[in-house]
Amino acid sequence: LHDPDQSGSISFQEFESLHTFLTSMRSSFQRFDADRSGKLDLREVHQAVTQAGFQLDEHSFYATCKAFDPDRTGTLGEPEFIAMT
């Protein structure tokens, strides 16, 4: 995703793009972590997904969350949230 020329390494420009992406995702995570728990519950994840412009039916939303919640806590930490995006 951040190695568009598929060279197996990232150039400085590709690194800048990755850094911008990660900074944006961290900011988004913090914005939707309303209770400041360090985790997004399903309501918070749904708000983030909806605001990003995605329209998932209930089954697809829960299936996606389940796929990125390997410890099955019903919440997503920042790394899980970034992986989902």
C-alpha atoms as a PDB file:
ATOM      1  CA  LEU A   1       0.000   0.000   0.000  1.00  0.00           C
ATOM      2  CA  HIS A   2       2.812   2.435   0.810  1.00  0.00           C
ATOM      3  CA  ASP A   3       5.291   0.881  -1.612  1.00  0.00           C
ATOM      4  CA  PRO A   4       3.500   1.641  -4.890  1.00  0.00           C
ATOM      5  CA  ASP A   5       6.526   0.831  -7.040  1.00  0.00           C
ATOM      6  CA  GLN A   6       6.761  -2.547  -5.238  1.00  0.00           C
ATOM      7  CA  SER A   7      10.496  -2.228  -4.817  1.00  0.00           C
ATOM      8  CA  GLY A   8      10.462  -3.961  -1.443  1.00  0.00           C
ATOM      9  CA  SER A   9      11.590  -0.808   0.312  1.00  0.00           C
ATOM     10  CA  ILE A  10      10.127   2.630   0.704  1.00  0.00           C
ATOM     11  CA  SER A  11      11.627   5.805  -0.622  1.00  0.00           C
ATOM     12  CA  PHE A  12      11.607   9.016   1.364  1.00  0.00           C
ATOM     13  CA  GLN A  13       8.512  10.149  -0.555  1.00  0.00           C
ATOM     14  CA  GLU A  14       6.761   6.843   0.220  1.00  0.00           C
ATOM     15  CA  PHE A  15       7.801   7.211   3.872  1.00  0.00           C
ATOM     16  CA  GLU A  16       6.291  10.702   3.954  1.00  0.00           C
ATOM     17  CA  SER A  17       3.053   9.280   2.567  1.00  0.00           C
ATOM     18  CA  LEU A  18       3.048   6.513   5.196  1.00  0.00           C
ATOM     19  CA  HIS A  19       3.772   9.002   7.970  1.00  0.00           C
ATOM     20  CA  THR A  20       0.929  11.260   6.813  1.00  0.00           C
ATOM     21  CA  PHE A  21      -1.439   8.277   6.707  1.00  0.00           C
ATOM     22  CA  LEU A  22      -0.471   7.058  10.195  1.00  0.00           C
ATOM     23  CA  THR A  23      -0.706  10.564  11.664  1.00  0.00           C
ATOM     24  CA  SER A  24      -4.157  10.982  10.159  1.00  0.00           C
ATOM     25  CA  MET A  25      -5.315   7.589  11.488  1.00  0.00           C
ATOM     26  CA  ARG A  26      -3.984   8.350  14.977  1.00  0.00           C
ATOM     27  CA  SER A  27      -5.819  11.677  14.973  1.00  0.00           C
ATOM     28  CA  SER A  28      -9.010   9.988  13.800  1.00  0.00           C
ATOM     29  CA  PHE A  29      -8.691   7.302  16.480  1.00  0.00           C
ATOM     30  CA  GLN A  30      -8.239   9.902  19.203  1.00  0.00           C
ATOM     31  CA  ARG A  31     -11.163  11.975  17.906  1.00  0.00           C
ATOM     32  CA  PHE A  32     -13.567   9.015  18.066  1.00  0.00           C
ATOM     33  CA  ASP A  33     -12.278   7.630  21.382  1.00  0.00           C
ATOM     34  CA  ALA A  34     -14.919   9.668  23.207  1.00  0.00           C
ATOM     35  CA  ASP A  35     -14.351   8.082  26.609  1.00  0.00           C
ATOM     36  CA  ARG A  36     -10.527   8.284  26.276  1.00  0.00           C
ATOM     37  CA  SER A  37     -10.222   4.583  27.090  1.00  0.00           C
ATOM     38  CA  GLY A  38      -7.535   3.937  24.482  1.00  0.00           C
ATOM     39  CA  LYS A  39      -9.966   1.597  22.728  1.00  0.00           C
ATOM     40  CA  LEU A  40     -12.864   2.193  20.376  1.00  0.00           C
ATOM     41  CA  ASP A  41     -16.046   0.365  21.294  1.00  0.00           C
ATOM     42  CA  LEU A  42     -18.357  -0.684  18.478  1.00  0.00           C
ATOM     43  CA  ARG A  43     -20.392   2.521  18.728  1.00  0.00           C
ATOM     44  CA  GLU A  44     -17.225   4.611  18.362  1.00  0.00           C
ATOM     45  CA  VAL A  45     -16.002   2.442  15.459  1.00  0.00           C
ATOM     46  CA  HIS A  46     -19.380   2.824  13.744  1.00  0.00           C
ATOM     47  CA  GLN A  47     -19.160   6.615  14.075  1.00  0.00           C
ATOM     48  CA  ALA A  48     -15.646   6.610  12.586  1.00  0.00           C
ATOM     49  CA  VAL A  49     -16.633   4.343   9.695  1.00  0.00           C
ATOM     50  CA  THR A  50     -19.771   6.347   8.942  1.00  0.00           C
ATOM     51  CA  GLN A  51     -17.959   9.684   9.069  1.00  0.00           C
ATOM     52  CA  ALA A  52     -15.323   8.288   6.703  1.00  0.00           C
ATOM     53  CA  GLY A  53     -18.145   7.784   4.199  1.00  0.00           C
ATOM     54  CA  PHE A  54     -18.604   4.032   4.413  1.00  0.00           C
ATOM     55  CA  GLN A  55     -22.106   2.634   4.477  1.00  0.00           C
ATOM     56  CA  LEU A  56     -22.012  -0.949   5.724  1.00  0.00           C
ATOM     57  CA  ASP A  57     -25.062  -3.003   6.532  1.00  0.00           C
ATOM     58  CA  GLU A  58     -25.175  -4.343  10.081  1.00  0.00           C
ATOM     59  CA  HIS A  59     -23.864  -7.803   9.158  1.00  0.00           C
ATOM     60  CA  SER A  60     -20.912  -6.397   7.181  1.00  0.00           C
ATOM     61  CA  PHE A  61     -20.051  -3.927   9.932  1.00  0.00           C
ATOM     62  CA  TYR A  62     -19.964  -6.603  12.652  1.00  0.00           C
ATOM     63  CA  ALA A  63     -18.078  -9.048  10.419  1.00  0.00           C
ATOM     64  CA  THR A  64     -15.442  -6.400   9.683  1.00  0.00           C
ATOM     65  CA  CYS A  65     -15.075  -5.502  13.360  1.00  0.00           C
ATOM     66  CA  LYS A  66     -14.796  -9.166  14.308  1.00  0.00           C
ATOM     67  CA  ALA A  67     -12.064  -9.712  11.709  1.00  0.00           C
ATOM     68  CA  PHE A  68      -9.952  -6.928  13.250  1.00  0.00           C
ATOM     69  CA  ASP A  69     -10.657  -7.815  16.891  1.00  0.00           C
ATOM     70  CA  PRO A  70      -8.511 -10.937  17.378  1.00  0.00           C
ATOM     71  CA  ASP A  71      -8.817 -10.892  21.171  1.00  0.00           C
ATOM     72  CA  ARG A  72     -12.632 -10.694  20.864  1.00  0.00           C
ATOM     73  CA  THR A  73     -13.038  -7.840  23.353  1.00  0.00           C
ATOM     74  CA  GLY A  74     -15.599  -5.973  21.270  1.00  0.00           C
ATOM     75  CA  THR A  75     -13.191  -3.040  21.068  1.00  0.00           C
ATOM     76  CA  LEU A  76     -10.406  -1.953  18.736  1.00  0.00           C
ATOM     77  CA  GLY A  77      -7.120  -0.533  19.938  1.00  0.00           C
ATOM     78  CA  GLU A  78      -5.225   1.935  17.781  1.00  0.00           C
ATOM     79  CA  PRO A  79      -3.188  -0.740  15.927  1.00  0.00           C
ATOM     80  CA  GLU A  80      -6.363  -2.720  15.176  1.00  0.00           C
ATOM     81  CA  PHE A  81      -8.147   0.439  14.017  1.00  0.00           C
ATOM     82  CA  ILE A  82      -5.270   1.351  11.701  1.00  0.00           C
ATOM     83  CA  ALA A  83      -5.171  -2.203  10.320  1.00  0.00           C
ATOM     84  CA  MET A  84      -8.896  -2.012   9.636  1.00  0.00           C
ATOM     85  CA  THR A  85      -8.487   1.204   7.650  1.00  0.00           C
END
